[in-house]
Amino acid sequence: MRLKKVFNGTAAFMPYVCCGDPNTDFTIKLIETLVSNGADAIEFGIPFSDPIADGKTIQAASNRALKNGMNPARAIEVIEKIRGRGIEVPIIVMTYYNIIYANGMDAFIKMIKEAGGDGLIVPDVPLEESEDLHKKCESNGLDLVYLVTPNCSDDRLQKIAIKSKVFLYAVAVLGITGARGEISEDAIDLIKRTKKLCSVPLAIGFGISKPEHAKKYSEAGADGIIVGSEIVNIYSKYLNGNEIDEEKALLEIAEFTKKMKSNY
C-alpha cells in the first residue's frame, strides 16, 4: 500500500542505500537525511560479496559493510530500527538470490515484511525463474519488483509488466551500476516504449548522477528516479578508514537530495 502512494503524478526520488557502509548508525542517519529532504522511498541494499549487477562504487560500499560485520539478519534489524524512528516512506530491499536461498525463502521474506519492508528487488532472478519467489512475496504482502532493460522486446516488456503489481525498475544502461556523465538514449526509448505498452509505473536507475539526468528521464515519462552510486560517491569523500565525518557528509547529501527533487 505504501508503495502505491509514491507514484502520484510527479516522479518519485528513490535513492539507494548500502546498509552498514561504513556503519549502522550512519546508515540510519543517511536514510533520515534523505527522507527529511525529499526522498519518496528507499532502495535498501543488503551487502553481498558478489554483487553482479553493481559497479565498483557499490561493490566497495558492500565490501566495507561486510568487513564491519554487516549481514542479512543485521540489515533486516536496521529496517526495524528505521521504522522505530518514525520513517514511514516505502523501503524496497535489494538483494541477490544467494542470500534469499541461504536464509530460506519463506523465512527471509517474512523477516523483511515483519521488520517493515514493502518490496523486494532481486536482479539475478529472471522472469522465467521468478514464480516461487513471486508467490512467496505475494502471500506475505511484499511486492516483488521486476527489472526491464533496453534490449527487452515489446512482448517481453508486456509479460514482465503483467507480473508487476506496483512498479517496474528500468535499467538505463546495459551493464552494471555506476554514476555516468550522460543519459542513455536507449533508456529514453525504453521509457517511452514501456509507457506506451504498459500501465504500471516505471522507475529508472543505473548511471543517474545529476539532477539534469533526472529531469530528462522524468520528461520522457519516468515515474521514479533511482540514484545509488552517486549517493555513495558523495559520502565516500568524507571516509577515513572506518571513520566518517558525518556532519559534512550528511550536509552534502541533504543538498544533493534537494537539488534532485527541485529539478523535475
C-alpha atoms as a PDB file:
ATOM      1  CA  MET A   1       0.000   0.000   0.000  1.00  0.00           C
ATOM      2  CA  ARG A   2       2.812   2.434   0.868  1.00  0.00           C
ATOM      3  CA  LEU A   3       4.486   1.863  -2.497  1.00  0.00           C
ATOM      4  CA  LYS A   4       1.366   2.671  -4.493  1.00  0.00           C
ATOM      5  CA  LYS A   5       1.156   6.109  -2.891  1.00  0.00           C
ATOM      6  CA  VAL A   6       4.672   7.008  -4.082  1.00  0.00           C
ATOM      7  CA  PHE A   7       3.604   7.345  -7.711  1.00  0.00           C
ATOM      8  CA  ASN A   8       1.252  10.294  -7.556  1.00  0.00           C
ATOM      9  CA  GLY A   9       1.880  12.250 -10.749  1.00  0.00           C
ATOM     10  CA  THR A  10       5.391  13.589 -10.159  1.00  0.00           C
ATOM     11  CA  ALA A  11       8.497  11.442 -10.465  1.00  0.00           C
ATOM     12  CA  ALA A  12       9.418   9.888  -7.120  1.00  0.00           C
ATOM     13  CA  PHE A  13      13.004  10.161  -5.858  1.00  0.00           C
ATOM     14  CA  MET A  14      14.141   6.717  -4.698  1.00  0.00           C
ATOM     15  CA  PRO A  15      17.782   6.719  -3.525  1.00  0.00           C
ATOM     16  CA  TYR A  16      19.759   3.530  -2.896  1.00  0.00           C
ATOM     17  CA  VAL A  17      21.488   2.984   0.458  1.00  0.00           C
ATOM     18  CA  CYS A  18      24.042   0.240   1.146  1.00  0.00           C
ATOM     19  CA  CYS A  19      23.248  -0.944   4.663  1.00  0.00           C
ATOM     20  CA  GLY A  20      26.197  -0.807   7.039  1.00  0.00           C
ATOM     21  CA  ASP A  21      28.526   1.365   4.996  1.00  0.00           C
ATOM     22  CA  PRO A  22      30.545   2.351   6.909  1.00  0.00           C
ATOM     23  CA  ASN A  23      28.409   1.504   9.961  1.00  0.00           C
ATOM     24  CA  THR A  24      24.819   1.005  11.059  1.00  0.00           C
ATOM     25  CA  ASP A  25      24.458   4.377  12.789  1.00  0.00           C
ATOM     26  CA  PHE A  26      25.476   6.224   9.639  1.00  0.00           C
ATOM     27  CA  THR A  27      23.040   4.182   7.520  1.00  0.00           C
ATOM     28  CA  ILE A  28      20.160   5.219   9.769  1.00  0.00           C
ATOM     29  CA  LYS A  29      21.225   8.877   9.755  1.00  0.00           C
ATOM     30  CA  LEU A  30      21.692   8.760   5.974  1.00  0.00           C
ATOM     31  CA  ILE A  31      18.172   7.454   5.452  1.00  0.00           C
ATOM     32  CA  GLU A  32      16.748  10.052   7.838  1.00  0.00           C
ATOM     33  CA  THR A  33      18.592  12.792   5.931  1.00  0.00           C
ATOM     34  CA  LEU A  34      17.394  11.543   2.545  1.00  0.00           C
ATOM     35  CA  VAL A  35      13.781  11.310   3.700  1.00  0.00           C
ATOM     36  CA  SER A  36      13.737  14.655   5.516  1.00  0.00           C
ATOM     37  CA  ASN A  37      14.995  16.341   2.348  1.00  0.00           C
ATOM     38  CA  GLY A  38      12.500  14.799  -0.033  1.00  0.00           C
ATOM     39  CA  ALA A  39      13.218  11.121  -0.755  1.00  0.00           C
ATOM     40  CA  ASP A  40       9.934   9.362  -1.501  1.00  0.00           C
ATOM     41  CA  ALA A  41      11.171   5.785  -1.000  1.00  0.00           C
ATOM     42  CA  ILE A  42      14.406   3.997  -0.116  1.00  0.00           C
ATOM     43  CA  GLU A  43      16.054   1.186  -2.047  1.00  0.00           C
ATOM     44  CA  PHE A  44      17.720  -0.643   0.822  1.00  0.00           C
ATOM     45  CA  GLY A  45      20.729  -2.682  -0.245  1.00  0.00           C
ATOM     46  CA  ILE A  46      21.826  -5.736   1.712  1.00  0.00           C
ATOM     47  CA  PRO A  47      25.604  -6.080   1.197  1.00  0.00           C
ATOM     48  CA  PHE A  48      26.726  -9.140  -0.746  1.00  0.00           C
ATOM     49  CA  SER A  49      30.178 -10.479  -1.567  1.00  0.00           C
ATOM     50  CA  ASP A  50      29.450 -10.959  -5.281  1.00  0.00           C
ATOM     51  CA  PRO A  51      27.039  -8.212  -6.384  1.00  0.00           C
ATOM     52  CA  ILE A  52      26.949  -8.978 -10.117  1.00  0.00           C
ATOM     53  CA  ALA A  53      24.706  -6.028 -11.035  1.00  0.00           C
ATOM     54  CA  ASP A  54      26.800  -3.456  -9.185  1.00  0.00           C
ATOM     55  CA  GLY A  55      29.797  -1.431 -10.305  1.00  0.00           C
ATOM     56  CA  LYS A  56      32.934  -0.592  -8.370  1.00  0.00           C
ATOM     57  CA  THR A  57      31.351   2.127  -6.217  1.00  0.00           C
ATOM     58  CA  ILE A  58      28.636  -0.065  -4.701  1.00  0.00           C
ATOM     59  CA  GLN A  59      30.972  -3.065  -4.641  1.00  0.00           C
ATOM     60  CA  ALA A  60      33.345  -1.018  -2.480  1.00  0.00           C
ATOM     61  CA  ALA A  61      30.455   0.038  -0.226  1.00  0.00           C
ATOM     62  CA  SER A  62      29.349  -3.591   0.153  1.00  0.00           C
ATOM     63  CA  ASN A  63      32.887  -4.702   0.959  1.00  0.00           C
ATOM     64  CA  ARG A  64      33.249  -2.042   3.662  1.00  0.00           C
ATOM     65  CA  ALA A  65      29.925  -3.026   5.203  1.00  0.00           C
ATOM     66  CA  LEU A  66      30.766  -6.735   5.176  1.00  0.00           C
ATOM     67  CA  LYS A  67      34.184  -6.135   6.728  1.00  0.00           C
ATOM     68  CA  ASN A  68      32.495  -4.187   9.503  1.00  0.00           C
ATOM     69  CA  GLY A  69      30.193  -7.090  10.343  1.00  0.00           C
ATOM     70  CA  MET A  70      27.028  -6.393   8.365  1.00  0.00           C
ATOM     71  CA  ASN A  71      24.986  -9.448   7.359  1.00  0.00           C
ATOM     72  CA  PRO A  72      21.397 -10.098   6.174  1.00  0.00           C
ATOM     73  CA  ALA A  73      19.941 -10.596   9.659  1.00  0.00           C
ATOM     74  CA  ARG A  74      21.525  -7.386  10.949  1.00  0.00           C
ATOM     75  CA  ALA A  75      20.422  -5.492   7.849  1.00  0.00           C
ATOM     76  CA  ILE A  76      16.818  -6.515   8.428  1.00  0.00           C
ATOM     77  CA  GLU A  77      17.158  -5.365  12.045  1.00  0.00           C
ATOM     78  CA  VAL A  78      18.194  -1.961  10.676  1.00  0.00           C
ATOM     79  CA  ILE A  79      14.889  -1.750   8.788  1.00  0.00           C
ATOM     80  CA  GLU A  80      13.107  -2.336  12.091  1.00  0.00           C
ATOM     81  CA  LYS A  81      15.172   0.401  13.741  1.00  0.00           C
ATOM     82  CA  ILE A  82      14.353   2.803  10.911  1.00  0.00           C
ATOM     83  CA  ARG A  83      10.645   2.159  11.366  1.00  0.00           C
ATOM     84  CA  GLY A  84      11.081   2.623  15.106  1.00  0.00           C
ATOM     85  CA  ARG A  85      12.440   6.112  14.453  1.00  0.00           C
ATOM     86  CA  GLY A  86       9.286   7.136  12.598  1.00  0.00           C
ATOM     87  CA  ILE A  87      10.425   6.751   8.981  1.00  0.00           C
ATOM     88  CA  GLU A  88       7.285   5.871   7.021  1.00  0.00           C
ATOM     89  CA  VAL A  89       8.363   6.010   3.363  1.00  0.00           C
ATOM     90  CA  PRO A  90       8.416   2.689   1.475  1.00  0.00           C
ATOM     91  CA  ILE A  91      11.535   0.548   1.873  1.00  0.00           C
ATOM     92  CA  ILE A  92      12.363  -1.758  -1.038  1.00  0.00           C
ATOM     93  CA  VAL A  93      15.024  -4.308  -0.165  1.00  0.00           C
ATOM     94  CA  MET A  94      17.585  -5.007  -2.882  1.00  0.00           C
ATOM     95  CA  THR A  95      19.475  -8.284  -2.592  1.00  0.00           C
ATOM     96  CA  TYR A  96      20.672 -11.336  -4.528  1.00  0.00           C
ATOM     97  CA  TYR A  97      19.129 -14.778  -4.703  1.00  0.00           C
ATOM     98  CA  ASN A  98      22.018 -16.499  -2.902  1.00  0.00           C
ATOM     99  CA  ILE A  99      21.129 -14.560   0.238  1.00  0.00           C
ATOM    100  CA  ILE A 100      17.446 -15.483  -0.050  1.00  0.00           C
ATOM    101  CA  TYR A 101      18.271 -19.141  -0.673  1.00  0.00           C
ATOM    102  CA  ALA A 102      20.788 -19.348   2.172  1.00  0.00           C
ATOM    103  CA  ASN A 103      18.321 -17.879   4.662  1.00  0.00           C
ATOM    104  CA  GLY A 104      15.284 -19.818   3.424  1.00  0.00           C
ATOM    105  CA  MET A 105      12.924 -18.068   1.024  1.00  0.00           C
ATOM    106  CA  ASP A 106       9.821 -18.128   3.202  1.00  0.00           C
ATOM    107  CA  ALA A 107      11.623 -17.167   6.414  1.00  0.00           C
ATOM    108  CA  PHE A 108      13.622 -14.400   4.728  1.00  0.00           C
ATOM    109  CA  ILE A 109      10.592 -12.784   3.105  1.00  0.00           C
ATOM    110  CA  LYS A 110       8.630 -12.930   6.354  1.00  0.00           C
ATOM    111  CA  MET A 111      11.538 -11.287   8.198  1.00  0.00           C
ATOM    112  CA  ILE A 112      11.591  -8.405   5.720  1.00  0.00           C
ATOM    113  CA  LYS A 113       7.846  -7.871   5.943  1.00  0.00           C
ATOM    114  CA  GLU A 114       7.748  -8.062   9.738  1.00  0.00           C
ATOM    115  CA  ALA A 115      10.618  -5.572  10.004  1.00  0.00           C
ATOM    116  CA  GLY A 116       8.683  -3.049   7.905  1.00  0.00           C
ATOM    117  CA  GLY A 117       9.846  -3.696   4.347  1.00  0.00           C
ATOM    118  CA  ASP A 118       7.484  -3.067   1.445  1.00  0.00           C
ATOM    119  CA  GLY A 119       9.160  -4.571  -1.606  1.00  0.00           C
ATOM    120  CA  LEU A 120      11.972  -6.752  -2.895  1.00  0.00           C
ATOM    121  CA  ILE A 121      14.356  -6.368  -5.847  1.00  0.00           C
ATOM    122  CA  VAL A 122      16.373  -9.427  -6.890  1.00  0.00           C
ATOM    123  CA  PRO A 123      18.320  -8.591 -10.069  1.00  0.00           C
ATOM    124  CA  ASP A 124      19.667 -12.108 -10.664  1.00  0.00           C
ATOM    125  CA  VAL A 125      16.230 -13.777 -10.800  1.00  0.00           C
ATOM    126  CA  PRO A 126      14.799 -13.530 -14.341  1.00  0.00           C
ATOM    127  CA  LEU A 127      11.089 -13.626 -15.105  1.00  0.00           C
ATOM    128  CA  GLU A 128      11.203 -17.296 -16.120  1.00  0.00           C
ATOM    129  CA  GLU A 129      12.602 -18.357 -12.730  1.00  0.00           C
ATOM    130  CA  SER A 130      10.638 -15.996 -10.512  1.00  0.00           C
ATOM    131  CA  GLU A 131       7.383 -17.863  -9.912  1.00  0.00           C
ATOM    132  CA  ASP A 132       8.196 -19.343  -6.489  1.00  0.00           C
ATOM    133  CA  LEU A 133       9.648 -16.061  -5.264  1.00  0.00           C
ATOM    134  CA  HIS A 134       6.692 -14.135  -6.670  1.00  0.00           C
ATOM    135  CA  LYS A 135       4.195 -16.378  -4.867  1.00  0.00           C
ATOM    136  CA  LYS A 136       6.053 -16.168  -1.548  1.00  0.00           C
ATOM    137  CA  CYS A 137       6.203 -12.376  -1.763  1.00  0.00           C
ATOM    138  CA  GLU A 138       2.547 -12.141  -2.696  1.00  0.00           C
ATOM    139  CA  SER A 139       1.414 -14.391   0.145  1.00  0.00           C
ATOM    140  CA  ASN A 140       3.409 -12.303   2.632  1.00  0.00           C
ATOM    141  CA  GLY A 141       2.259  -8.917   1.360  1.00  0.00           C
ATOM    142  CA  LEU A 142       5.618  -7.959  -0.142  1.00  0.00           C
ATOM    143  CA  ASP A 143       5.873  -6.519  -3.675  1.00  0.00           C
ATOM    144  CA  LEU A 144       8.403  -8.209  -5.971  1.00  0.00           C
ATOM    145  CA  VAL A 145       9.881  -5.598  -8.313  1.00  0.00           C
ATOM    146  CA  TYR A 146      10.906  -6.762 -11.776  1.00  0.00           C
ATOM    147  CA  LEU A 147      13.635  -5.228 -13.938  1.00  0.00           C
ATOM    148  CA  VAL A 148      13.398  -4.315 -17.615  1.00  0.00           C
ATOM    149  CA  THR A 149      16.317  -3.374 -19.872  1.00  0.00           C
ATOM    150  CA  PRO A 150      16.783  -1.533 -23.174  1.00  0.00           C
ATOM    151  CA  ASN A 151      17.128  -4.817 -25.054  1.00  0.00           C
ATOM    152  CA  CYS A 152      13.744  -6.130 -23.890  1.00  0.00           C
ATOM    153  CA  SER A 153      11.375  -6.758 -26.768  1.00  0.00           C
ATOM    154  CA  ASP A 154       7.889  -5.255 -26.640  1.00  0.00           C
ATOM    155  CA  ASP A 155       6.469  -8.721 -25.999  1.00  0.00           C
ATOM    156  CA  ARG A 156       8.806  -9.306 -23.053  1.00  0.00           C
ATOM    157  CA  LEU A 157       8.078  -5.874 -21.607  1.00  0.00           C
ATOM    158  CA  GLN A 158       4.389  -6.711 -21.555  1.00  0.00           C
ATOM    159  CA  LYS A 159       4.960 -10.135 -19.982  1.00  0.00           C
ATOM    160  CA  ILE A 160       7.042  -8.604 -17.185  1.00  0.00           C
ATOM    161  CA  ALA A 161       4.556  -5.774 -16.667  1.00  0.00           C
ATOM    162  CA  ILE A 162       1.734  -8.282 -16.141  1.00  0.00           C
ATOM    163  CA  LYS A 163       3.642  -9.727 -13.175  1.00  0.00           C
ATOM    164  CA  SER A 164       4.463  -6.302 -11.699  1.00  0.00           C
ATOM    165  CA  LYS A 165       1.955  -5.036  -9.175  1.00  0.00           C
ATOM    166  CA  VAL A 166       3.441  -1.674  -8.157  1.00  0.00           C
ATOM    167  CA  PHE A 167       6.252  -0.556 -10.480  1.00  0.00           C
ATOM    168  CA  LEU A 168       8.852  -1.694 -12.989  1.00  0.00           C
ATOM    169  CA  TYR A 169      12.557  -0.988 -12.488  1.00  0.00           C
ATOM    170  CA  ALA A 170      14.003   0.215 -15.785  1.00  0.00           C
ATOM    171  CA  VAL A 171      17.745  -0.352 -16.159  1.00  0.00           C
ATOM    172  CA  ALA A 172      19.040   2.713 -18.006  1.00  0.00           C
ATOM    173  CA  VAL A 173      22.177   1.076 -19.401  1.00  0.00           C
ATOM    174  CA  LEU A 174      23.275  -2.428 -20.285  1.00  0.00           C
ATOM    175  CA  GLY A 175      25.861  -3.407 -17.708  1.00  0.00           C
ATOM    176  CA  ILE A 176      26.478  -2.597 -14.064  1.00  0.00           C
ATOM    177  CA  THR A 177      25.582   0.275 -11.758  1.00  0.00           C
ATOM    178  CA  GLY A 178      27.774   3.363 -11.567  1.00  0.00           C
ATOM    179  CA  ALA A 179      27.451   7.117 -11.999  1.00  0.00           C
ATOM    180  CA  ARG A 180      27.768   8.250 -15.608  1.00  0.00           C
ATOM    181  CA  GLY A 181      28.191  11.614 -17.262  1.00  0.00           C
ATOM    182  CA  GLU A 182      25.447  11.411 -19.868  1.00  0.00           C
ATOM    183  CA  ILE A 183      21.968   9.978 -20.143  1.00  0.00           C
ATOM    184  CA  SER A 184      21.262   6.979 -22.331  1.00  0.00           C
ATOM    185  CA  GLU A 185      19.147   7.461 -25.449  1.00  0.00           C
ATOM    186  CA  ASP A 186      18.355   3.743 -25.258  1.00  0.00           C
ATOM    187  CA  ALA A 187      16.902   4.421 -21.823  1.00  0.00           C
ATOM    188  CA  ILE A 188      14.731   7.218 -23.194  1.00  0.00           C
ATOM    189  CA  ASP A 189      13.424   4.801 -25.803  1.00  0.00           C
ATOM    190  CA  LEU A 190      12.816   2.155 -23.118  1.00  0.00           C
ATOM    191  CA  ILE A 191      10.800   4.611 -21.036  1.00  0.00           C
ATOM    192  CA  LYS A 192       8.663   5.658 -23.995  1.00  0.00           C
ATOM    193  CA  ARG A 193       8.069   2.079 -25.166  1.00  0.00           C
ATOM    194  CA  THR A 194       7.166   0.897 -21.692  1.00  0.00           C
ATOM    195  CA  LYS A 195       4.786   3.774 -21.035  1.00  0.00           C
ATOM    196  CA  LYS A 196       3.094   3.109 -24.368  1.00  0.00           C
ATOM    197  CA  LEU A 197       2.728  -0.634 -23.806  1.00  0.00           C
ATOM    198  CA  CYS A 198       2.236  -0.942 -20.037  1.00  0.00           C
ATOM    199  CA  SER A 199       0.075   0.758 -17.424  1.00  0.00           C
ATOM    200  CA  VAL A 200       2.299   0.016 -14.394  1.00  0.00           C
ATOM    201  CA  PRO A 201       4.529   2.891 -13.150  1.00  0.00           C
ATOM    202  CA  LEU A 202       8.170   2.879 -14.227  1.00  0.00           C
ATOM    203  CA  ALA A 203      11.179   3.907 -12.133  1.00  0.00           C
ATOM    204  CA  ILE A 204      14.579   4.219 -13.787  1.00  0.00           C
ATOM    205  CA  GLY A 205      18.033   3.665 -12.327  1.00  0.00           C
ATOM    206  CA  PHE A 206      21.681   2.838 -13.190  1.00  0.00           C
ATOM    207  CA  GLY A 207      24.015   5.675 -14.113  1.00  0.00           C
ATOM    208  CA  ILE A 208      21.941   8.622 -12.877  1.00  0.00           C
ATOM    209  CA  SER A 209      24.211  11.120 -11.135  1.00  0.00           C
ATOM    210  CA  LYS A 210      22.864  14.616 -11.858  1.00  0.00           C
ATOM    211  CA  PRO A 211      19.581  16.498 -11.475  1.00  0.00           C
ATOM    212  CA  GLU A 212      19.689  17.102 -15.254  1.00  0.00           C
ATOM    213  CA  HIS A 213      19.589  13.343 -15.839  1.00  0.00           C
ATOM    214  CA  ALA A 214      16.549  13.007 -13.595  1.00  0.00           C
ATOM    215  CA  LYS A 215      14.824  15.881 -15.383  1.00  0.00           C
ATOM    216  CA  LYS A 216      15.286  14.349 -18.835  1.00  0.00           C
ATOM    217  CA  TYR A 217      14.125  10.917 -17.749  1.00  0.00           C
ATOM    218  CA  SER A 218      11.142  12.436 -15.966  1.00  0.00           C
ATOM    219  CA  GLU A 219      10.220  14.432 -19.047  1.00  0.00           C
ATOM    220  CA  ALA A 220      10.398  11.219 -21.078  1.00  0.00           C
ATOM    221  CA  GLY A 221       7.785   9.697 -18.782  1.00  0.00           C
ATOM    222  CA  ALA A 222       9.623   8.022 -15.894  1.00  0.00           C
ATOM    223  CA  ASP A 223       7.545   7.822 -12.720  1.00  0.00           C
ATOM    224  CA  GLY A 224      10.539   7.346 -10.420  1.00  0.00           C
ATOM    225  CA  ILE A 225      14.254   8.181 -10.328  1.00  0.00           C
ATOM    226  CA  ILE A 226      16.683   5.807  -8.597  1.00  0.00           C
ATOM    227  CA  VAL A 227      20.166   7.034  -7.634  1.00  0.00           C
ATOM    228  CA  GLY A 228      22.715   4.786  -5.963  1.00  0.00           C
ATOM    229  CA  SER A 229      26.381   5.171  -6.834  1.00  0.00           C
ATOM    230  CA  GLU A 230      26.316   8.960  -6.664  1.00  0.00           C
ATOM    231  CA  ILE A 231      24.985   8.817  -3.101  1.00  0.00           C
ATOM    232  CA  VAL A 232      27.917   6.568  -2.162  1.00  0.00           C
ATOM    233  CA  ASN A 233      30.356   8.794  -4.078  1.00  0.00           C
ATOM    234  CA  ILE A 234      29.244  11.836  -2.098  1.00  0.00           C
ATOM    235  CA  TYR A 235      29.692  10.422   1.387  1.00  0.00           C
ATOM    236  CA  SER A 236      32.793   8.405   0.461  1.00  0.00           C
ATOM    237  CA  LYS A 237      34.694  11.694   0.179  1.00  0.00           C
ATOM    238  CA  TYR A 238      34.364  12.022   3.947  1.00  0.00           C
ATOM    239  CA  LEU A 239      35.553   8.496   4.785  1.00  0.00           C
ATOM    240  CA  ASN A 240      38.865   7.913   6.537  1.00  0.00           C
ATOM    241  CA  GLY A 241      39.202   4.187   7.083  1.00  0.00           C
ATOM    242  CA  ASN A 242      36.175   3.161   9.155  1.00  0.00           C
ATOM    243  CA  GLU A 243      35.557   6.726  10.303  1.00  0.00           C
ATOM    244  CA  ILE A 244      33.353   9.244   8.543  1.00  0.00           C
ATOM    245  CA  ASP A 245      32.794  12.957   9.010  1.00  0.00           C
ATOM    246  CA  GLU A 246      29.048  12.561   9.405  1.00  0.00           C
ATOM    247  CA  GLU A 247      28.206  16.246   9.607  1.00  0.00           C
ATOM    248  CA  LYS A 248      29.860  17.166   6.310  1.00  0.00           C
ATOM    249  CA  ALA A 249      28.709  14.002   4.539  1.00  0.00           C
ATOM    250  CA  LEU A 250      25.074  14.385   5.552  1.00  0.00           C
ATOM    251  CA  LEU A 251      25.055  18.104   4.755  1.00  0.00           C
ATOM    252  CA  GLU A 252      26.159  17.389   1.177  1.00  0.00           C
ATOM    253  CA  ILE A 253      23.677  14.522   0.871  1.00  0.00           C
ATOM    254  CA  ALA A 254      20.894  16.855   2.007  1.00  0.00           C
ATOM    255  CA  GLU A 255      21.840  19.455  -0.616  1.00  0.00           C
ATOM    256  CA  PHE A 256      22.047  16.817  -3.350  1.00  0.00           C
ATOM    257  CA  THR A 257      18.613  15.446  -2.440  1.00  0.00           C
ATOM    258  CA  LYS A 258      17.060  18.905  -2.529  1.00  0.00           C
ATOM    259  CA  LYS A 259      18.578  19.580  -5.960  1.00  0.00           C
ATOM    260  CA  MET A 260      17.332  16.265  -7.313  1.00  0.00           C
ATOM    261  CA  LYS A 261      13.810  16.939  -6.092  1.00  0.00           C
ATOM    262  CA  SER A 262      13.664  20.536  -7.309  1.00  0.00           C
ATOM    263  CA  ASN A 263      14.772  19.753 -10.869  1.00  0.00           C
ATOM    264  CA  TYR A 264      11.811  17.726 -12.058  1.00  0.00           C
END
